[in-house]
N, C-alpha and C. Protein backbone atom coordinates (compact mmCIF):
# COMPACT_ATOMS: atom_id res chain seq x y z
N UNK A 1 0.85 -1.20 0.00
CA UNK A 1 0.00 0.00 0.00
C UNK A 1 0.88 1.25 0.00
N UNK A 2 0.84 2.01 -1.05
CA UNK A 2 1.65 3.22 -1.17
C UNK A 2 0.99 4.38 -0.43
N UNK A 3 1.76 5.11 0.33
CA UNK A 3 1.26 6.27 1.05
C UNK A 3 1.92 7.52 0.48
N UNK A 4 1.13 8.33 -0.20
CA UNK A 4 1.66 9.54 -0.84
C UNK A 4 1.35 10.80 -0.06
N UNK A 5 0.24 10.81 0.66
CA UNK A 5 -0.13 12.01 1.41
C UNK A 5 -0.78 11.65 2.74
N UNK A 6 -0.51 12.48 3.73
CA UNK A 6 -1.10 12.31 5.06
C UNK A 6 -1.66 13.66 5.52
N UNK A 7 -2.92 13.65 5.88
CA UNK A 7 -3.56 14.84 6.45
C UNK A 7 -3.86 14.55 7.91
N UNK A 8 -3.52 15.48 8.78
CA UNK A 8 -3.66 15.25 10.22
C UNK A 8 -4.62 16.26 10.84
N UNK A 9 -5.58 15.74 11.58
CA UNK A 9 -6.46 16.59 12.39
C UNK A 9 -6.25 16.18 13.84
N UNK A 10 -5.83 17.11 14.67
CA UNK A 10 -5.56 16.76 16.05
C UNK A 10 -5.34 17.97 16.93
N UNK A 11 -4.73 17.71 18.08
CA UNK A 11 -4.45 18.77 19.05
C UNK A 11 -2.94 19.01 19.11
N UNK A 12 -2.42 19.34 20.27
CA UNK A 12 -1.00 19.67 20.37
C UNK A 12 -0.08 18.49 20.07
N UNK A 13 -0.54 17.28 20.29
CA UNK A 13 0.30 16.12 19.96
C UNK A 13 0.44 16.01 18.45
N UNK A 14 -0.68 16.16 17.74
CA UNK A 14 -0.62 16.16 16.29
C UNK A 14 0.21 17.31 15.76
N UNK A 15 0.24 18.42 16.50
CA UNK A 15 1.00 19.61 16.12
C UNK A 15 2.46 19.49 16.49
N UNK A 16 2.84 18.42 17.19
CA UNK A 16 4.24 18.15 17.59
C UNK A 16 4.75 19.15 18.63
N UNK A 17 3.91 19.48 19.59
CA UNK A 17 4.27 20.46 20.61
C UNK A 17 5.00 19.82 21.79
N UNK A 18 6.02 20.52 22.28
CA UNK A 18 6.71 20.14 23.52
C UNK A 18 6.77 21.37 24.42
N UNK A 19 7.05 21.15 25.69
CA UNK A 19 7.26 22.29 26.59
C UNK A 19 8.75 22.53 26.72
N UNK A 20 9.20 23.72 26.32
CA UNK A 20 10.60 24.11 26.40
C UNK A 20 10.85 24.68 27.79
N UNK A 21 11.53 23.91 28.63
CA UNK A 21 11.75 24.34 30.01
C UNK A 21 12.69 25.54 30.12
N UNK A 22 13.65 25.64 29.20
CA UNK A 22 14.58 26.76 29.24
C UNK A 22 13.87 28.07 28.94
N UNK A 23 13.02 28.05 27.92
CA UNK A 23 12.30 29.27 27.54
C UNK A 23 10.95 29.40 28.25
N UNK A 24 10.57 28.34 28.98
CA UNK A 24 9.32 28.32 29.72
C UNK A 24 8.11 28.62 28.83
N UNK A 25 8.09 27.92 27.73
CA UNK A 25 6.97 28.10 26.80
C UNK A 25 6.82 26.85 25.94
N UNK A 26 5.67 26.72 25.31
CA UNK A 26 5.45 25.60 24.40
C UNK A 26 6.02 25.94 23.03
N UNK A 27 6.55 24.94 22.37
CA UNK A 27 7.14 25.14 21.04
C UNK A 27 7.00 23.84 20.25
N UNK A 28 7.21 23.95 18.95
CA UNK A 28 7.15 22.76 18.09
C UNK A 28 8.47 22.00 18.20
N UNK A 29 8.38 20.72 18.43
CA UNK A 29 9.57 19.86 18.49
C UNK A 29 10.23 19.82 17.11
N UNK A 30 11.50 20.10 17.05
CA UNK A 30 12.18 20.17 15.75
C UNK A 30 12.21 18.82 15.04
N UNK A 31 12.50 17.78 15.78
CA UNK A 31 12.55 16.43 15.19
C UNK A 31 11.20 15.77 15.43
N UNK A 32 10.34 15.82 14.41
CA UNK A 32 8.99 15.29 14.59
C UNK A 32 8.55 14.45 13.40
N UNK A 33 7.42 13.78 13.55
CA UNK A 33 6.95 12.86 12.51
C UNK A 33 6.68 13.57 11.20
N UNK A 34 6.21 14.81 11.25
CA UNK A 34 5.85 15.53 10.02
C UNK A 34 7.08 15.80 9.16
N UNK A 35 8.16 16.27 9.80
CA UNK A 35 9.38 16.55 9.04
C UNK A 35 9.99 15.25 8.51
N UNK A 36 9.87 14.19 9.27
CA UNK A 36 10.41 12.90 8.81
C UNK A 36 9.61 12.34 7.64
N UNK A 37 8.30 12.47 7.70
CA UNK A 37 7.47 12.01 6.58
C UNK A 37 7.79 12.80 5.32
N UNK A 38 7.92 14.12 5.47
CA UNK A 38 8.24 14.96 4.31
C UNK A 38 9.59 14.59 3.72
N UNK A 39 10.54 14.25 4.59
CA UNK A 39 11.87 13.85 4.13
C UNK A 39 11.82 12.56 3.32
N UNK A 40 10.79 11.76 3.55
CA UNK A 40 10.62 10.51 2.81
C UNK A 40 9.72 10.68 1.59
N UNK A 41 9.38 11.93 1.29
CA UNK A 41 8.61 12.20 0.09
C UNK A 41 7.10 12.13 0.26
N UNK A 42 6.64 12.09 1.50
CA UNK A 42 5.20 12.04 1.76
C UNK A 42 4.69 13.46 1.99
N UNK A 43 3.66 13.84 1.28
CA UNK A 43 3.06 15.17 1.47
C UNK A 43 2.28 15.17 2.78
N UNK A 44 2.52 16.18 3.60
CA UNK A 44 1.85 16.27 4.91
C UNK A 44 1.10 17.59 5.02
N UNK A 45 -0.17 17.49 5.35
CA UNK A 45 -0.98 18.68 5.63
C UNK A 45 -1.46 18.55 7.07
N UNK A 46 -0.99 19.45 7.92
CA UNK A 46 -1.30 19.35 9.35
C UNK A 46 -2.33 20.40 9.75
N UNK A 47 -3.52 19.93 10.07
CA UNK A 47 -4.61 20.82 10.48
C UNK A 47 -4.77 20.84 12.00
N UNK A 48 -3.79 20.30 12.71
CA UNK A 48 -3.87 20.22 14.17
C UNK A 48 -3.72 21.60 14.80
N UNK A 49 -4.41 21.80 15.90
CA UNK A 49 -4.35 23.07 16.63
C UNK A 49 -4.22 22.78 18.12
N UNK A 50 -3.23 23.37 18.74
CA UNK A 50 -3.03 23.17 20.17
C UNK A 50 -4.27 23.61 20.95
N UNK A 51 -4.72 22.75 21.85
CA UNK A 51 -5.87 23.08 22.68
C UNK A 51 -7.20 22.63 22.12
N UNK A 52 -7.21 22.13 20.88
CA UNK A 52 -8.47 21.76 20.25
C UNK A 52 -9.05 20.46 20.81
N UNK A 53 -10.37 20.43 20.83
CA UNK A 53 -11.10 19.20 21.10
C UNK A 53 -11.64 18.67 19.78
N UNK A 54 -12.18 17.47 19.82
CA UNK A 54 -12.70 16.86 18.60
C UNK A 54 -13.84 17.69 18.01
N UNK A 55 -14.59 18.37 18.85
CA UNK A 55 -15.72 19.17 18.37
C UNK A 55 -15.28 20.45 17.68
N UNK A 56 -14.05 20.86 17.91
CA UNK A 56 -13.54 22.08 17.29
C UNK A 56 -12.89 21.83 15.94
N UNK A 57 -12.62 20.58 15.63
CA UNK A 57 -11.97 20.26 14.36
C UNK A 57 -12.90 20.56 13.19
N UNK A 58 -12.33 21.08 12.12
CA UNK A 58 -13.10 21.40 10.93
C UNK A 58 -12.61 20.56 9.76
N UNK A 59 -13.48 19.69 9.26
CA UNK A 59 -13.12 18.86 8.11
C UNK A 59 -13.71 19.52 6.86
N UNK A 60 -13.00 20.51 6.35
CA UNK A 60 -13.49 21.24 5.18
C UNK A 60 -13.29 20.40 3.91
N UNK A 61 -14.24 20.51 3.01
CA UNK A 61 -14.15 19.73 1.76
C UNK A 61 -12.88 20.05 1.00
N UNK A 62 -12.44 21.30 1.06
CA UNK A 62 -11.23 21.70 0.34
C UNK A 62 -9.98 21.01 0.88
N UNK A 63 -10.06 20.47 2.10
CA UNK A 63 -8.91 19.81 2.71
C UNK A 63 -8.91 18.29 2.52
N UNK A 64 -9.93 17.77 1.87
CA UNK A 64 -9.99 16.34 1.63
C UNK A 64 -9.05 15.95 0.49
N UNK A 65 -8.33 14.86 0.66
CA UNK A 65 -7.37 14.39 -0.34
C UNK A 65 -7.68 12.93 -0.67
N UNK A 66 -8.54 12.70 -1.66
CA UNK A 66 -8.92 11.33 -2.04
C UNK A 66 -7.69 10.44 -2.26
N UNK A 67 -7.72 9.26 -1.66
CA UNK A 67 -6.60 8.34 -1.78
C UNK A 67 -5.55 8.54 -0.71
N UNK A 68 -5.63 9.63 0.03
CA UNK A 68 -4.65 9.91 1.07
C UNK A 68 -5.06 9.35 2.42
N UNK A 69 -4.16 9.49 3.38
CA UNK A 69 -4.41 9.04 4.75
C UNK A 69 -4.93 10.21 5.58
N UNK A 70 -5.96 9.97 6.36
CA UNK A 70 -6.48 10.98 7.28
C UNK A 70 -6.23 10.50 8.70
N UNK A 71 -5.25 11.10 9.37
CA UNK A 71 -4.94 10.73 10.75
C UNK A 71 -5.72 11.64 11.70
N UNK A 72 -6.45 11.04 12.63
CA UNK A 72 -7.30 11.79 13.54
C UNK A 72 -6.84 11.54 14.97
N UNK A 73 -6.43 12.60 15.66
CA UNK A 73 -5.80 12.45 16.98
C UNK A 73 -6.42 13.43 17.97
N UNK A 74 -7.29 12.93 18.82
CA UNK A 74 -7.94 13.77 19.83
C UNK A 74 -8.11 12.98 21.13
N UNK A 75 -8.49 13.68 22.17
CA UNK A 75 -8.75 13.03 23.45
C UNK A 75 -8.14 13.77 24.63
N UNK A 76 -6.92 14.29 24.45
CA UNK A 76 -6.23 14.94 25.56
C UNK A 76 -6.93 16.16 26.10
N UNK A 77 -7.46 17.00 25.21
CA UNK A 77 -8.20 18.19 25.65
C UNK A 77 -9.66 17.86 25.92
N UNK A 78 -10.17 16.88 25.21
CA UNK A 78 -11.58 16.49 25.37
C UNK A 78 -11.88 16.04 26.80
N UNK A 79 -10.94 15.32 27.39
CA UNK A 79 -11.17 14.78 28.74
C UNK A 79 -10.85 15.79 29.84
N UNK A 80 -10.30 16.93 29.46
CA UNK A 80 -9.85 17.90 30.47
C UNK A 80 -11.02 18.54 31.21
N UNK A 81 -10.76 18.95 32.42
CA UNK A 81 -11.77 19.61 33.25
C UNK A 81 -11.44 21.10 33.39
N UNK A 82 -12.42 21.86 33.82
CA UNK A 82 -12.20 23.26 34.16
C UNK A 82 -11.64 23.27 35.58
N UNK A 83 -10.32 23.27 35.66
CA UNK A 83 -9.67 23.09 36.96
C UNK A 83 -9.94 24.25 37.92
N UNK A 84 -10.13 25.44 37.39
CA UNK A 84 -10.46 26.58 38.25
C UNK A 84 -11.83 26.35 38.90
N UNK A 85 -12.78 25.87 38.10
CA UNK A 85 -14.11 25.58 38.63
C UNK A 85 -14.06 24.45 39.65
N UNK A 86 -13.25 23.44 39.37
CA UNK A 86 -13.09 22.32 40.30
C UNK A 86 -12.51 22.83 41.62
N UNK A 87 -11.50 23.68 41.51
CA UNK A 87 -10.83 24.22 42.69
C UNK A 87 -11.78 25.04 43.55
N UNK A 88 -12.68 25.77 42.90
CA UNK A 88 -13.60 26.64 43.63
C UNK A 88 -14.81 25.89 44.19
N UNK A 89 -15.16 24.77 43.56
CA UNK A 89 -16.33 24.03 44.02
C UNK A 89 -16.12 22.53 43.82
N UNK A 90 -15.37 21.90 44.72
CA UNK A 90 -15.04 20.48 44.57
C UNK A 90 -16.16 19.52 44.97
N UNK A 91 -17.27 20.03 45.44
CA UNK A 91 -18.33 19.16 45.94
C UNK A 91 -19.43 18.88 44.92
N UNK A 92 -19.28 19.40 43.70
CA UNK A 92 -20.26 19.12 42.64
C UNK A 92 -19.55 18.45 41.47
N UNK A 93 -20.32 17.78 40.62
CA UNK A 93 -19.75 17.07 39.48
C UNK A 93 -19.33 18.07 38.40
N UNK A 94 -18.17 17.84 37.81
CA UNK A 94 -17.68 18.68 36.73
C UNK A 94 -17.50 17.82 35.48
N UNK A 95 -18.18 18.19 34.41
CA UNK A 95 -18.11 17.43 33.17
C UNK A 95 -16.84 17.79 32.40
N UNK A 96 -16.37 16.85 31.62
CA UNK A 96 -15.20 17.09 30.77
C UNK A 96 -15.56 18.09 29.67
N UNK A 97 -14.54 18.65 29.04
CA UNK A 97 -14.79 19.60 27.95
C UNK A 97 -15.66 18.97 26.87
N UNK A 98 -15.41 17.69 26.59
CA UNK A 98 -16.27 16.94 25.68
C UNK A 98 -16.77 15.70 26.41
N UNK A 99 -18.04 15.61 26.73
CA UNK A 99 -18.57 14.40 27.38
C UNK A 99 -18.23 13.16 26.55
N UNK A 100 -17.98 12.06 27.21
CA UNK A 100 -17.49 10.86 26.53
C UNK A 100 -18.41 10.39 25.40
N UNK A 101 -19.71 10.49 25.58
CA UNK A 101 -20.64 10.08 24.53
C UNK A 101 -20.53 10.96 23.30
N UNK A 102 -20.42 12.26 23.52
CA UNK A 102 -20.26 13.22 22.42
C UNK A 102 -18.93 12.96 21.72
N UNK A 103 -17.91 12.67 22.52
CA UNK A 103 -16.58 12.38 21.96
C UNK A 103 -16.63 11.20 21.00
N UNK A 104 -17.25 10.12 21.43
CA UNK A 104 -17.34 8.93 20.58
C UNK A 104 -18.11 9.21 19.30
N UNK A 105 -19.26 9.86 19.43
CA UNK A 105 -20.10 10.13 18.27
C UNK A 105 -19.40 11.05 17.27
N UNK A 106 -18.74 12.07 17.78
CA UNK A 106 -18.06 13.03 16.90
C UNK A 106 -16.87 12.39 16.20
N UNK A 107 -16.13 11.58 16.93
CA UNK A 107 -14.99 10.88 16.35
C UNK A 107 -15.45 9.94 15.24
N UNK A 108 -16.50 9.20 15.50
CA UNK A 108 -17.05 8.29 14.49
C UNK A 108 -17.52 9.07 13.27
N UNK A 109 -18.11 10.23 13.50
CA UNK A 109 -18.57 11.06 12.40
C UNK A 109 -17.42 11.55 11.54
N UNK A 110 -16.29 11.86 12.16
CA UNK A 110 -15.12 12.29 11.41
C UNK A 110 -14.60 11.18 10.51
N UNK A 111 -14.57 9.97 11.06
CA UNK A 111 -14.13 8.82 10.27
C UNK A 111 -15.01 8.64 9.04
N UNK A 112 -16.31 8.70 9.26
CA UNK A 112 -17.25 8.52 8.15
C UNK A 112 -17.11 9.62 7.10
N UNK A 113 -16.82 10.84 7.55
CA UNK A 113 -16.70 11.94 6.61
C UNK A 113 -15.47 11.80 5.72
N UNK A 114 -14.31 11.49 6.31
CA UNK A 114 -13.10 11.37 5.48
C UNK A 114 -13.22 10.17 4.54
N UNK A 115 -13.89 9.13 4.99
CA UNK A 115 -14.09 7.97 4.12
C UNK A 115 -15.01 8.30 2.95
N UNK A 116 -15.92 9.23 3.16
CA UNK A 116 -16.82 9.65 2.07
C UNK A 116 -16.04 10.32 0.95
N UNK A 117 -14.84 10.80 1.27
CA UNK A 117 -13.97 11.41 0.27
C UNK A 117 -12.82 10.48 -0.10
N UNK A 118 -13.04 9.18 0.12
CA UNK A 118 -12.08 8.15 -0.27
C UNK A 118 -10.71 8.33 0.40
N UNK A 119 -10.74 8.75 1.66
CA UNK A 119 -9.50 8.82 2.43
C UNK A 119 -9.46 7.65 3.42
N UNK A 120 -8.26 7.21 3.75
CA UNK A 120 -8.07 6.10 4.68
C UNK A 120 -7.90 6.65 6.09
N UNK A 121 -8.84 6.35 6.95
CA UNK A 121 -8.81 6.90 8.31
C UNK A 121 -7.87 6.12 9.22
N UNK A 122 -7.05 6.86 9.96
CA UNK A 122 -6.19 6.28 10.99
C UNK A 122 -6.52 7.00 12.30
N UNK A 123 -6.97 6.24 13.29
CA UNK A 123 -7.27 6.83 14.59
C UNK A 123 -6.06 6.68 15.51
N UNK A 124 -5.72 7.77 16.18
CA UNK A 124 -4.55 7.78 17.05
C UNK A 124 -4.98 7.75 18.52
N UNK A 125 -4.58 6.71 19.21
CA UNK A 125 -4.87 6.60 20.65
C UNK A 125 -3.82 7.43 21.39
N UNK A 126 -4.22 8.45 22.15
CA UNK A 126 -3.25 9.34 22.80
C UNK A 126 -2.41 8.63 23.85
N UNK A 127 -1.19 9.14 24.07
CA UNK A 127 -0.32 8.57 25.10
C UNK A 127 -0.92 8.73 26.49
N UNK A 128 -0.41 7.98 27.46
CA UNK A 128 -0.88 8.14 28.85
C UNK A 128 -0.34 9.45 29.42
N UNK A 129 -0.85 9.85 30.56
CA UNK A 129 -0.33 11.03 31.24
C UNK A 129 0.37 10.62 32.53
N UNK A 130 1.24 11.49 33.01
CA UNK A 130 1.87 11.31 34.31
C UNK A 130 0.99 12.08 35.30
N UNK A 131 0.19 11.35 36.05
CA UNK A 131 -0.81 11.98 36.91
C UNK A 131 -0.21 12.95 37.93
N UNK A 132 0.91 12.58 38.53
CA UNK A 132 1.51 13.45 39.55
C UNK A 132 1.96 14.78 38.96
N UNK A 133 2.67 14.70 37.83
CA UNK A 133 3.15 15.93 37.19
C UNK A 133 1.98 16.77 36.68
N UNK A 134 0.99 16.11 36.11
CA UNK A 134 -0.14 16.86 35.55
C UNK A 134 -0.94 17.53 36.66
N UNK A 135 -1.12 16.83 37.77
CA UNK A 135 -1.82 17.41 38.91
C UNK A 135 -1.10 18.67 39.40
N UNK A 136 0.21 18.57 39.53
CA UNK A 136 1.00 19.72 39.99
C UNK A 136 0.88 20.88 39.00
N UNK A 137 0.82 20.54 37.71
CA UNK A 137 0.76 21.55 36.66
C UNK A 137 -0.58 22.29 36.66
N UNK A 138 -1.67 21.54 36.69
CA UNK A 138 -2.99 22.18 36.57
C UNK A 138 -3.42 22.86 37.87
N UNK A 139 -2.81 22.47 38.98
CA UNK A 139 -3.22 23.06 40.26
C UNK A 139 -2.40 24.30 40.63
N UNK A 140 -1.47 24.70 39.76
CA UNK A 140 -0.71 25.92 40.02
C UNK A 140 -1.65 27.11 40.18
N UNK A 141 -1.40 27.91 41.19
CA UNK A 141 -2.20 29.12 41.45
C UNK A 141 -3.66 28.82 41.77
N UNK A 142 -3.96 27.55 42.04
CA UNK A 142 -5.32 27.17 42.44
C UNK A 142 -5.26 26.56 43.83
N UNK A 143 -6.25 25.77 44.19
CA UNK A 143 -6.30 25.14 45.51
C UNK A 143 -6.10 23.63 45.34
N UNK A 144 -4.85 23.15 45.45
CA UNK A 144 -4.58 21.73 45.25
C UNK A 144 -5.39 20.81 46.16
N UNK A 145 -5.60 21.23 47.40
CA UNK A 145 -6.36 20.39 48.34
C UNK A 145 -7.80 20.22 47.88
N UNK A 146 -8.38 21.29 47.36
CA UNK A 146 -9.77 21.21 46.88
C UNK A 146 -9.86 20.33 45.65
N UNK A 147 -8.88 20.46 44.76
CA UNK A 147 -8.87 19.64 43.55
C UNK A 147 -8.71 18.17 43.92
N UNK A 148 -7.81 17.89 44.87
CA UNK A 148 -7.60 16.51 45.30
C UNK A 148 -8.85 15.97 45.98
N UNK A 149 -9.57 16.81 46.68
CA UNK A 149 -10.82 16.39 47.30
C UNK A 149 -11.80 15.92 46.24
N UNK A 150 -11.87 16.65 45.14
CA UNK A 150 -12.78 16.28 44.05
C UNK A 150 -12.33 14.97 43.39
N UNK A 151 -11.04 14.85 43.15
CA UNK A 151 -10.52 13.67 42.45
C UNK A 151 -10.59 12.40 43.30
N UNK A 152 -10.38 12.56 44.59
CA UNK A 152 -10.31 11.39 45.46
C UNK A 152 -8.89 10.92 45.63
N UNK A 153 -8.18 10.77 44.52
CA UNK A 153 -6.75 10.48 44.53
C UNK A 153 -6.16 11.00 43.23
N UNK A 154 -4.87 11.27 43.25
CA UNK A 154 -4.21 11.87 42.08
C UNK A 154 -4.34 11.00 40.85
N UNK A 155 -4.29 9.68 41.02
CA UNK A 155 -4.34 8.77 39.87
C UNK A 155 -5.70 8.77 39.16
N UNK A 156 -6.69 9.41 39.77
CA UNK A 156 -7.99 9.52 39.09
C UNK A 156 -7.82 10.25 37.76
N UNK A 157 -6.87 11.18 37.69
CA UNK A 157 -6.61 11.91 36.44
C UNK A 157 -6.18 10.93 35.36
N UNK A 158 -5.29 10.01 35.72
CA UNK A 158 -4.82 8.99 34.77
C UNK A 158 -5.98 8.15 34.28
N UNK A 159 -6.81 7.69 35.20
CA UNK A 159 -7.92 6.82 34.83
C UNK A 159 -8.96 7.55 33.99
N UNK A 160 -9.19 8.81 34.31
CA UNK A 160 -10.17 9.62 33.57
C UNK A 160 -9.73 9.79 32.12
N UNK A 161 -8.45 10.10 31.93
CA UNK A 161 -7.93 10.26 30.57
C UNK A 161 -7.92 8.92 29.83
N UNK A 162 -7.70 7.85 30.57
CA UNK A 162 -7.66 6.52 29.98
C UNK A 162 -8.99 6.15 29.33
N UNK A 163 -10.09 6.62 29.90
CA UNK A 163 -11.42 6.34 29.33
C UNK A 163 -11.51 6.84 27.89
N UNK A 164 -10.93 7.99 27.64
CA UNK A 164 -10.98 8.57 26.30
C UNK A 164 -10.05 7.82 25.34
N UNK A 165 -8.92 7.38 25.85
CA UNK A 165 -8.02 6.57 25.03
C UNK A 165 -8.69 5.26 24.64
N UNK A 166 -9.36 4.64 25.59
CA UNK A 166 -10.09 3.40 25.31
C UNK A 166 -11.19 3.64 24.29
N UNK A 167 -11.85 4.79 24.40
CA UNK A 167 -12.93 5.12 23.46
C UNK A 167 -12.40 5.22 22.04
N UNK A 168 -11.22 5.80 21.86
CA UNK A 168 -10.63 5.90 20.52
C UNK A 168 -10.40 4.50 19.95
N UNK A 169 -9.81 3.63 20.76
CA UNK A 169 -9.56 2.26 20.30
C UNK A 169 -10.86 1.53 19.98
N UNK A 170 -11.88 1.76 20.77
CA UNK A 170 -13.18 1.11 20.54
C UNK A 170 -13.80 1.56 19.22
N UNK A 171 -13.76 2.86 18.95
CA UNK A 171 -14.30 3.38 17.70
C UNK A 171 -13.50 2.83 16.52
N UNK A 172 -12.20 2.74 16.69
CA UNK A 172 -11.36 2.19 15.63
C UNK A 172 -11.74 0.76 15.30
N UNK A 173 -11.97 -0.03 16.34
CA UNK A 173 -12.36 -1.43 16.14
C UNK A 173 -13.75 -1.53 15.53
N UNK A 174 -14.67 -0.73 16.02
CA UNK A 174 -16.05 -0.76 15.55
C UNK A 174 -16.16 -0.38 14.08
N UNK A 175 -15.36 0.59 13.65
CA UNK A 175 -15.43 1.08 12.27
C UNK A 175 -14.35 0.48 11.38
N UNK A 176 -13.61 -0.48 11.94
CA UNK A 176 -12.57 -1.18 11.18
C UNK A 176 -11.53 -0.21 10.63
N UNK A 177 -11.04 0.67 11.50
CA UNK A 177 -10.01 1.64 11.13
C UNK A 177 -8.62 1.10 11.49
N UNK A 178 -7.63 1.63 10.82
CA UNK A 178 -6.27 1.43 11.28
C UNK A 178 -6.10 2.26 12.54
N UNK A 179 -5.49 1.68 13.57
CA UNK A 179 -5.30 2.38 14.84
C UNK A 179 -3.81 2.49 15.15
N UNK A 180 -3.37 3.71 15.42
CA UNK A 180 -2.01 3.95 15.87
C UNK A 180 -2.09 4.11 17.38
N UNK A 181 -1.70 3.07 18.10
CA UNK A 181 -1.90 3.06 19.55
C UNK A 181 -0.66 3.59 20.28
N UNK A 182 -0.61 4.91 20.41
CA UNK A 182 0.52 5.52 21.10
C UNK A 182 0.51 5.21 22.59
N UNK A 183 -0.66 5.03 23.14
CA UNK A 183 -0.75 4.70 24.57
C UNK A 183 0.01 3.41 24.86
N UNK A 184 -0.26 2.40 24.08
CA UNK A 184 0.41 1.12 24.28
C UNK A 184 1.91 1.25 24.09
N UNK A 185 2.32 2.00 23.07
CA UNK A 185 3.75 2.17 22.79
C UNK A 185 4.46 2.85 23.96
N UNK A 186 3.82 3.86 24.55
CA UNK A 186 4.43 4.56 25.69
C UNK A 186 4.47 3.65 26.92
N UNK A 187 3.40 2.91 27.16
CA UNK A 187 3.35 2.06 28.35
C UNK A 187 4.34 0.90 28.28
N UNK A 188 4.66 0.47 27.07
CA UNK A 188 5.64 -0.60 26.90
C UNK A 188 7.03 -0.13 27.30
N UNK A 189 7.28 1.18 27.15
CA UNK A 189 8.58 1.74 27.53
C UNK A 189 8.83 1.49 29.02
N UNK A 190 10.07 1.29 29.39
CA UNK A 190 10.39 0.94 30.77
C UNK A 190 10.05 2.08 31.74
N UNK A 191 10.13 3.31 31.26
CA UNK A 191 9.75 4.45 32.10
C UNK A 191 9.05 5.47 31.21
N UNK A 192 7.75 5.27 31.00
CA UNK A 192 7.03 6.14 30.07
C UNK A 192 7.02 7.59 30.54
N UNK A 193 7.18 7.81 31.84
CA UNK A 193 7.14 9.18 32.35
C UNK A 193 8.29 10.02 31.83
N UNK A 194 9.39 9.36 31.46
CA UNK A 194 10.54 10.08 30.90
C UNK A 194 10.26 10.54 29.48
N UNK A 195 9.19 10.04 28.89
CA UNK A 195 8.82 10.40 27.53
C UNK A 195 7.83 11.55 27.49
N UNK A 196 7.54 12.11 28.68
CA UNK A 196 6.60 13.22 28.79
C UNK A 196 7.29 14.47 29.32
N UNK A 197 6.75 15.62 28.98
CA UNK A 197 7.29 16.89 29.45
C UNK A 197 6.97 17.12 30.92
N UNK A 198 7.47 18.23 31.44
CA UNK A 198 7.28 18.56 32.85
C UNK A 198 5.81 18.76 33.20
N UNK A 199 4.97 19.05 32.20
CA UNK A 199 3.54 19.23 32.47
C UNK A 199 2.80 17.91 32.62
N UNK A 200 3.49 16.81 32.31
CA UNK A 200 2.90 15.49 32.52
C UNK A 200 1.97 15.00 31.43
N UNK A 201 1.78 15.78 30.37
CA UNK A 201 0.83 15.37 29.33
C UNK A 201 1.40 15.45 27.91
N UNK A 202 2.26 16.42 27.63
CA UNK A 202 2.81 16.53 26.28
C UNK A 202 4.04 15.63 26.13
N UNK A 203 4.15 14.89 25.03
CA UNK A 203 5.35 14.09 24.80
C UNK A 203 6.59 14.98 24.76
N UNK A 204 7.67 14.48 25.31
CA UNK A 204 8.95 15.18 25.26
C UNK A 204 9.60 14.93 23.91
N UNK A 205 10.80 15.46 23.71
CA UNK A 205 11.52 15.20 22.46
C UNK A 205 11.72 13.70 22.27
N UNK A 206 12.03 13.00 23.36
CA UNK A 206 12.19 11.54 23.27
C UNK A 206 10.85 10.88 22.98
N UNK A 207 9.80 11.44 23.53
CA UNK A 207 8.46 10.92 23.24
C UNK A 207 8.10 11.06 21.78
N UNK A 208 8.50 12.17 21.17
CA UNK A 208 8.22 12.37 19.75
C UNK A 208 9.05 11.42 18.88
N UNK A 209 10.22 11.06 19.35
CA UNK A 209 11.00 10.05 18.62
C UNK A 209 10.27 8.71 18.62
N UNK A 210 9.67 8.38 19.76
CA UNK A 210 8.90 7.14 19.85
C UNK A 210 7.67 7.21 18.94
N UNK A 211 7.03 8.36 18.90
CA UNK A 211 5.86 8.52 18.03
C UNK A 211 6.26 8.26 16.58
N UNK A 212 7.39 8.83 16.17
CA UNK A 212 7.84 8.59 14.80
C UNK A 212 8.13 7.11 14.57
N UNK A 213 8.76 6.48 15.54
CA UNK A 213 9.08 5.06 15.41
C UNK A 213 7.82 4.23 15.18
N UNK A 214 6.75 4.57 15.90
CA UNK A 214 5.48 3.84 15.74
C UNK A 214 4.84 4.12 14.38
N UNK A 215 4.93 5.35 13.93
CA UNK A 215 4.39 5.70 12.61
C UNK A 215 5.16 4.98 11.52
N UNK A 216 6.48 4.98 11.65
CA UNK A 216 7.33 4.31 10.66
C UNK A 216 7.03 2.82 10.61
N UNK A 217 6.81 2.23 11.78
CA UNK A 217 6.48 0.80 11.83
C UNK A 217 5.13 0.53 11.17
N UNK A 218 4.18 1.41 11.41
CA UNK A 218 2.85 1.26 10.82
C UNK A 218 2.91 1.37 9.30
N UNK A 219 3.69 2.32 8.81
CA UNK A 219 3.83 2.49 7.36
C UNK A 219 4.49 1.27 6.73
N UNK A 220 5.54 0.78 7.40
CA UNK A 220 6.25 -0.39 6.88
C UNK A 220 5.31 -1.59 6.79
N UNK A 221 4.45 -1.74 7.79
CA UNK A 221 3.50 -2.84 7.77
C UNK A 221 2.47 -2.68 6.67
N UNK A 222 2.05 -1.44 6.41
CA UNK A 222 1.05 -1.18 5.37
C UNK A 222 1.61 -1.41 3.98
N UNK A 223 2.91 -1.19 3.83
CA UNK A 223 3.53 -1.32 2.51
C UNK A 223 4.10 -2.71 2.27
N UNK A 224 4.06 -3.56 3.29
CA UNK A 224 4.61 -4.92 3.15
C UNK A 224 3.77 -5.76 2.20
């Protein structure tokens, strides 16, 4: 199976974002899957936007590439909570930015849309998060004790995000999509936490190397 073009719809992971600790800001990782694909002669169109949820993605007809691959990568922002609201009122339920049912339905709809334009859908299961680091990150300038009261335990963040990762894999299986399971690839690593940035959620430079390795393996299998 020849792969000539890849179009990506996703969030900061699809955008190849890392946290630069020296400059204390987010930036694009220089060594990333997009530059590597381009170096191999594959046309890449990246529609990913940092902070986006699946409901914010726009699949415009002008961006459809019949015969190409459509990689869809969401979940990290969809499962996120309004941490300020949680901090201020930990005794009530707080819904995720995208409720899990809406997430599944919207993701499935995206797959069906790209297929309507003869594109091959690839669903990307997001990497795991480092709950301790992420908790420390999101609770900055807030009330950590109140947030922890709501969560019950810090690892609840890990489990909550895991539900969305599982949902991606389930939709992929249900719709018979190719699935790029980054979560599994990270968890297989002996210390997956070293593959994440200080914020506990964005892949580090080493994490992006692993992402490329998984993409390269997937392409090799498709072309075998």
